[in-house]
Amino acid sequence: MTPTLVREHLSHPGSVPPRASLCARARDWSEIQERMLVPLYETVYERLEVGPATRLLGLRCGSGLALLMAASRGAAVTGVDTCAERLALARERLLPDVPRGTRARTGARLVEGAPGDAADPDTPGYTLVTVFEPIGSLAGDAEGLGELLAAALPTAVRGAAVVLAGWGPPERCATSSVLRVATKLADPLRSAGSWRPARRDDLEEVAQRAGLKPDGSGRVACPFGYADLDNAVRGLLSTGLFDAAIAATDRKQVDKELTEALHPYRRPDGTVWMPNVFRYLIARVP
């Protein structure tokens, strides 16, 4: 989930608490939740044959795990995000010994700000643009994605692949039942950040609005597995999906109801396991 699923880019006023609240949980995102989408990253990179010839721009890159996996394949990677705390963690992973503001010999770059800030006149355009933060879990979570892509596409070469990700059908995503807790508690903020079932054409609609040409799609199993209930609560809260609920009630109430919602997925050994399926769409820059 912002996923996995970071919902820190919603455009609706009041849909989330102050940014600092999201960024304060960056470490939980990095250490617990971010790895849940590793099967998605691996599948996309394998399908697109990501390697030394790849110049990747990762939008909403978070703490950089997807970038690290691409870099390990030889790709030159650039990550863009607006959360300084998450980018600091990405720097620890990708540029541990590189002074801030200095170009890494590996070709990795991290940019705090807008996609246009990632343009580099000294290098060719990007051949791959990714937005791995899945949409399809909150009402309005695709809004703003078109503008994000519009700002990024001028930095990509013609024919570059653009990858979008989204939640699969609710009946194949056990976490959907847990996300409904956020909707219940967020009332009366519900209209701004309520849970909604993923639609079949969510990703295609975003691509169409951005002027991209679809060029393939797929589904990937991405189960959410946690060591215990506390680990699961911390991981899910780090996504930002429950921020409207916290704003409408309080953290203690959200923790309580989230823990109760997770009980059906607790195994005899205390671990928590929720099978999920995510979609991805590959589109091309015309």
Protein backbone atom coordinates (compact mmCIF):
# COMPACT_ATOMS: atom_id res chain seq x y z
CA MET A 1 0.00 0.00 0.00
CA THR A 2 0.63 4.65 -0.17
CA PRO A 3 1.04 2.97 -0.58
CA THR A 4 1.73 0.25 0.06
CA LEU A 5 -0.12 3.09 -0.66
CA VAL A 6 0.79 6.51 -0.01
CA ARG A 7 -2.08 8.92 -0.31
CA GLU A 8 -0.14 12.09 0.37
CA HIS A 9 -0.89 13.70 -2.98
CA LEU A 10 -4.67 14.05 -2.82
CA SER A 11 -5.86 17.38 -4.12
CA HIS A 12 -8.95 17.72 -1.92
CA PRO A 13 -8.47 20.25 0.88
CA GLY A 14 -8.81 18.68 4.30
CA SER A 15 -8.57 15.12 3.01
CA VAL A 16 -5.43 14.45 5.04
CA PRO A 17 -3.84 16.00 8.12
CA PRO A 18 -0.72 18.18 7.79
CA ARG A 19 2.12 16.77 5.69
CA ALA A 20 4.33 16.50 8.73
CA SER A 21 2.00 13.80 10.06
CA LEU A 22 2.63 11.67 6.97
CA CYS A 23 6.35 12.29 6.88
CA ALA A 24 6.73 11.39 10.55
CA ARG A 25 5.75 7.83 9.63
CA ALA A 26 8.31 7.57 6.85
CA ARG A 27 10.39 5.04 8.76
CA ASP A 28 7.42 2.69 9.23
CA TRP A 29 6.69 2.98 5.52
CA SER A 30 10.27 2.17 4.64
CA GLU A 31 10.78 -0.66 7.12
CA ILE A 32 7.33 -2.31 7.07
CA GLN A 33 5.01 -1.36 4.23
CA GLU A 34 7.06 -0.50 1.15
CA ARG A 35 8.23 -4.07 0.59
CA MET A 36 4.66 -5.30 0.08
CA LEU A 37 4.79 -4.21 -3.57
CA VAL A 38 8.11 -5.89 -4.39
CA PRO A 39 6.36 -8.52 -6.60
CA LEU A 40 4.86 -5.66 -8.62
CA TYR A 41 8.22 -3.96 -9.11
CA GLU A 42 9.89 -7.21 -10.10
CA THR A 43 7.17 -8.14 -12.60
CA VAL A 44 7.23 -4.75 -14.31
CA TYR A 45 11.03 -4.62 -14.50
CA GLU A 46 11.20 -8.12 -15.90
CA ARG A 47 8.55 -7.42 -18.52
CA LEU A 48 10.20 -4.18 -19.63
CA GLU A 49 13.71 -5.70 -19.48
CA VAL A 50 15.00 -2.95 -17.22
CA GLY A 51 18.79 -2.86 -17.36
CA PRO A 52 21.84 -0.73 -18.17
CA ALA A 53 20.08 0.94 -21.12
CA THR A 54 17.20 2.11 -18.92
CA ARG A 55 16.91 5.70 -17.70
CA LEU A 56 14.15 5.58 -15.10
CA LEU A 57 12.17 8.42 -13.55
CA GLY A 58 10.27 7.28 -10.46
CA LEU A 59 7.45 9.64 -9.49
CA ARG A 60 6.27 9.57 -5.86
CA CYS A 61 9.31 7.41 -5.24
CA GLY A 62 8.93 7.32 -1.46
CA SER A 63 11.91 5.84 0.34
CA GLY A 64 13.35 4.42 -2.85
CA LEU A 65 13.00 0.63 -2.72
CA ALA A 66 11.72 0.40 -6.31
CA LEU A 67 14.57 2.66 -7.44
CA LEU A 68 17.11 0.49 -5.65
CA MET A 69 15.78 -2.62 -7.38
CA ALA A 70 16.06 -0.93 -10.79
CA ALA A 71 19.56 0.34 -10.00
CA SER A 72 20.60 -3.21 -9.06
CA ARG A 73 19.70 -4.17 -12.64
CA GLY A 74 22.03 -1.47 -13.95
CA ALA A 75 19.46 1.24 -14.65
CA ALA A 76 20.22 4.93 -14.12
CA VAL A 77 17.49 6.08 -11.74
CA THR A 78 16.01 9.40 -10.67
CA GLY A 79 13.43 9.64 -7.90
CA VAL A 80 11.05 12.53 -7.28
CA ASP A 81 8.91 13.07 -4.20
CA THR A 82 7.70 15.92 -2.03
CA CYS A 83 8.34 14.30 1.35
CA ALA A 84 11.79 15.21 2.63
CA GLU A 85 11.77 12.46 5.28
CA ARG A 86 11.07 9.69 2.78
CA LEU A 87 13.68 11.07 0.41
CA ALA A 88 16.19 11.09 3.25
CA LEU A 89 15.59 7.35 3.64
CA ALA A 90 15.92 6.88 -0.10
CA ARG A 91 19.25 8.70 0.09
CA GLU A 92 20.43 6.26 2.77
CA ARG A 93 19.66 3.40 0.39
CA LEU A 94 20.88 4.82 -2.90
CA LEU A 95 23.44 7.49 -2.06
CA PRO A 96 24.86 6.66 1.39
CA ASP A 97 28.26 8.22 0.76
CA VAL A 98 27.36 11.03 -1.64
CA PRO A 99 27.19 14.60 -0.29
CA ARG A 100 23.83 16.28 -0.83
CA GLY A 101 23.71 18.10 -4.17
CA THR A 102 26.46 15.96 -5.70
CA ARG A 103 25.83 13.63 -8.64
CA ALA A 104 26.41 9.98 -7.80
CA ARG A 105 28.73 7.92 -9.98
CA THR A 106 26.02 5.27 -10.16
CA GLY A 107 23.72 7.66 -12.02
CA ALA A 108 21.20 7.79 -9.16
CA ARG A 109 19.53 11.13 -8.41
CA LEU A 110 16.92 12.14 -5.84
CA VAL A 111 14.86 15.28 -6.28
CA GLU A 112 12.56 16.92 -3.78
CA GLY A 113 9.89 18.83 -5.67
CA ALA A 114 8.06 18.60 -8.98
CA PRO A 115 8.80 16.24 -11.91
CA GLY A 116 10.10 19.12 -13.99
CA ASP A 117 12.91 19.54 -11.46
CA ALA A 118 14.21 16.12 -12.56
CA ALA A 119 15.03 17.33 -16.07
CA ASP A 120 18.75 17.11 -16.78
CA PRO A 121 20.06 18.91 -19.89
CA ASP A 122 23.30 16.95 -19.70
CA THR A 123 21.69 13.51 -20.16
CA PRO A 124 19.20 11.97 -22.63
CA GLY A 125 15.51 11.80 -21.77
CA TYR A 126 14.01 9.09 -19.60
CA THR A 127 13.05 5.80 -21.23
CA LEU A 128 10.80 4.67 -18.36
CA VAL A 129 8.52 6.64 -16.03
CA THR A 130 6.89 4.84 -13.09
CA VAL A 131 4.14 5.73 -10.64
CA PHE A 132 4.03 2.66 -8.41
CA GLU A 133 1.77 4.26 -5.80
CA PRO A 134 -1.48 2.38 -6.51
CA ILE A 135 -4.76 4.14 -7.14
CA GLY A 136 -8.23 2.73 -6.62
CA SER A 137 -8.54 2.69 -2.84
CA LEU A 138 -9.79 6.19 -2.00
CA ALA A 139 -12.34 8.39 -3.71
CA GLY A 140 -10.46 10.93 -5.82
CA ASP A 141 -7.06 9.27 -5.45
CA ALA A 142 -6.41 9.52 -9.20
CA GLU A 143 -6.99 13.26 -9.22
CA GLY A 144 -3.75 15.12 -9.62
CA LEU A 145 -2.08 12.16 -11.31
CA GLY A 146 -2.77 13.64 -14.74
CA GLU A 147 -1.04 16.87 -13.77
CA LEU A 148 1.88 14.92 -12.34
CA LEU A 149 2.30 13.00 -15.58
CA ALA A 150 1.92 16.15 -17.68
CA ALA A 151 4.82 17.69 -15.81
CA ALA A 152 6.96 14.57 -16.19
CA LEU A 153 6.37 13.54 -19.80
CA PRO A 154 8.42 16.37 -21.37
CA THR A 155 11.47 14.81 -19.70
CA ALA A 156 10.85 11.42 -21.39
CA VAL A 157 11.83 10.31 -24.88
CA ARG A 158 9.25 9.48 -27.50
CA GLY A 159 8.06 5.90 -27.06
CA ALA A 160 9.12 5.78 -23.42
CA ALA A 161 7.14 3.40 -21.24
CA VAL A 162 4.96 4.85 -18.49
CA VAL A 163 3.83 2.45 -15.75
CA LEU A 164 0.78 3.09 -13.59
CA ALA A 165 -0.37 0.86 -10.74
CA GLY A 166 -3.72 0.24 -9.08
CA TRP A 167 -5.60 -2.00 -6.68
CA GLY A 168 -7.21 -5.09 -8.14
CA PRO A 169 -10.86 -6.12 -7.72
CA PRO A 170 -12.03 -5.82 -4.09
CA GLU A 171 -13.02 -9.47 -4.01
CA ARG A 172 -9.37 -10.35 -4.64
CA CYS A 173 -7.93 -7.84 -2.17
CA ALA A 174 -8.37 -8.86 1.45
CA THR A 175 -7.10 -5.46 2.57
CA SER A 176 -10.18 -3.82 1.03
CA SER A 177 -12.25 -4.86 4.05
CA VAL A 178 -9.72 -3.23 6.36
CA LEU A 179 -9.67 -0.01 4.36
CA ARG A 180 -13.41 0.34 4.90
CA VAL A 181 -12.58 1.16 8.51
CA ALA A 182 -11.09 4.42 7.28
CA THR A 183 -14.34 5.32 5.54
CA LYS A 184 -16.46 4.58 8.59
CA LEU A 185 -14.29 6.62 10.94
CA ALA A 186 -13.64 9.49 8.55
CA ASP A 187 -17.29 10.57 8.43
CA PRO A 188 -18.06 13.49 7.98
CA LEU A 189 -14.81 13.86 5.98
CA ARG A 190 -15.91 10.86 4.00
CA SER A 191 -16.54 12.68 0.72
CA ALA A 192 -12.91 13.80 0.61
CA GLY A 193 -11.13 10.57 1.43
CA SER A 194 -13.47 7.59 1.59
CA TRP A 195 -12.76 4.05 0.47
CA ARG A 196 -14.14 3.04 -2.90
CA PRO A 197 -13.83 -0.19 -4.89
CA ALA A 198 -11.28 -0.18 -7.70
CA ARG A 199 -12.78 0.08 -11.17
CA ARG A 200 -11.66 -2.01 -14.10
CA ASP A 201 -10.59 0.97 -16.22
CA ASP A 202 -9.07 3.24 -13.56
CA LEU A 203 -5.57 3.10 -15.02
CA GLU A 204 -6.70 3.33 -18.63
CA GLU A 205 -8.69 6.48 -17.85
CA VAL A 206 -5.65 8.14 -16.32
CA ALA A 207 -3.51 7.19 -19.32
CA GLN A 208 -6.11 8.51 -21.73
CA ARG A 209 -6.34 11.84 -19.95
CA ALA A 210 -2.55 12.12 -20.08
CA GLY A 211 -2.49 11.45 -23.82
CA LEU A 212 -0.68 8.13 -23.45
CA LYS A 213 -1.17 5.04 -25.61
CA PRO A 214 -1.85 1.80 -23.65
CA ASP A 215 0.61 -0.96 -24.50
CA GLY A 216 -0.17 -3.84 -22.17
CA SER A 217 -1.28 -4.58 -18.63
CA GLY A 218 -1.18 -7.33 -16.04
CA ARG A 219 -2.03 -8.43 -12.52
CA VAL A 220 0.35 -9.34 -9.74
CA ALA A 221 -0.26 -11.03 -6.38
CA CYS A 222 1.07 -8.78 -3.60
CA PRO A 223 0.08 -10.23 -0.23
CA PHE A 224 0.47 -8.04 2.82
CA GLY A 225 2.29 -10.00 5.51
CA TYR A 226 3.18 -8.68 8.98
CA ALA A 227 4.98 -10.12 12.00
CA ASP A 228 2.10 -9.26 14.33
CA LEU A 229 -0.91 -6.99 14.77
CA ASP A 230 1.13 -4.03 15.99
CA ASN A 231 3.38 -4.32 12.94
CA ALA A 232 0.33 -4.45 10.68
CA VAL A 233 -1.27 -1.38 12.25
CA ARG A 234 1.95 0.62 11.97
CA GLY A 235 2.45 -0.42 8.36
CA LEU A 236 -1.07 0.42 7.27
CA LEU A 237 -1.07 3.77 9.08
CA SER A 238 2.16 4.68 7.30
CA THR A 239 0.32 4.61 3.97
CA GLY A 240 -1.67 7.73 4.78
CA LEU A 241 -4.93 5.98 3.91
CA PHE A 242 -6.22 6.42 7.46
CA ASP A 243 -5.26 10.06 7.93
CA ALA A 244 -8.77 11.41 7.34
CA ALA A 245 -10.07 8.96 9.96
CA ILE A 246 -7.45 10.14 12.47
CA ALA A 247 -8.38 13.76 11.78
CA ALA A 248 -12.08 13.01 12.31
CA THR A 249 -11.62 10.94 15.48
CA ASP A 250 -8.24 10.31 17.10
CA ARG A 251 -5.27 7.98 16.74
CA LYS A 252 -6.33 5.76 19.65
CA GLN A 253 -9.76 5.09 18.13
CA VAL A 254 -8.30 4.34 14.71
CA ASP A 255 -5.73 1.96 16.21
CA LYS A 256 -8.48 0.13 18.10
CA GLU A 257 -10.83 -0.35 15.15
CA LEU A 258 -8.02 -1.14 12.74
CA THR A 259 -6.74 -3.85 15.09
CA GLU A 260 -10.23 -5.35 15.31
CA ALA A 261 -10.58 -5.33 11.51
CA LEU A 262 -7.26 -7.17 11.19
CA HIS A 263 -8.20 -10.02 13.54
CA PRO A 264 -9.75 -12.24 10.80
CA TYR A 265 -6.38 -12.22 9.03
CA ARG A 266 -4.33 -13.17 12.07
CA ARG A 267 -2.77 -16.63 11.92
CA PRO A 268 -2.28 -19.00 14.87
CA ASP A 269 1.39 -17.96 15.12
CA GLY A 270 0.37 -14.31 15.53
CA THR A 271 1.37 -13.17 12.04
CA VAL A 272 -1.08 -11.26 9.84
CA TRP A 273 -1.61 -12.30 6.22
CA MET A 274 -3.85 -10.59 3.63
CA PRO A 275 -3.80 -11.78 0.00
CA ASN A 276 -4.10 -8.95 -2.53
CA VAL A 277 -3.92 -8.52 -6.29
CA PHE A 278 -2.67 -5.34 -7.94
CA ARG A 279 -2.93 -4.18 -11.55
CA TYR A 280 -0.38 -2.39 -13.65
CA LEU A 281 -0.70 -0.63 -16.99
CA ILE A 282 2.11 0.03 -19.44
CA ALA A 283 1.51 3.01 -21.73
CA ARG A 284 3.71 4.80 -24.23
CA VAL A 285 4.66 8.43 -24.74
CA PRO A 286 3.47 9.40 -28.25
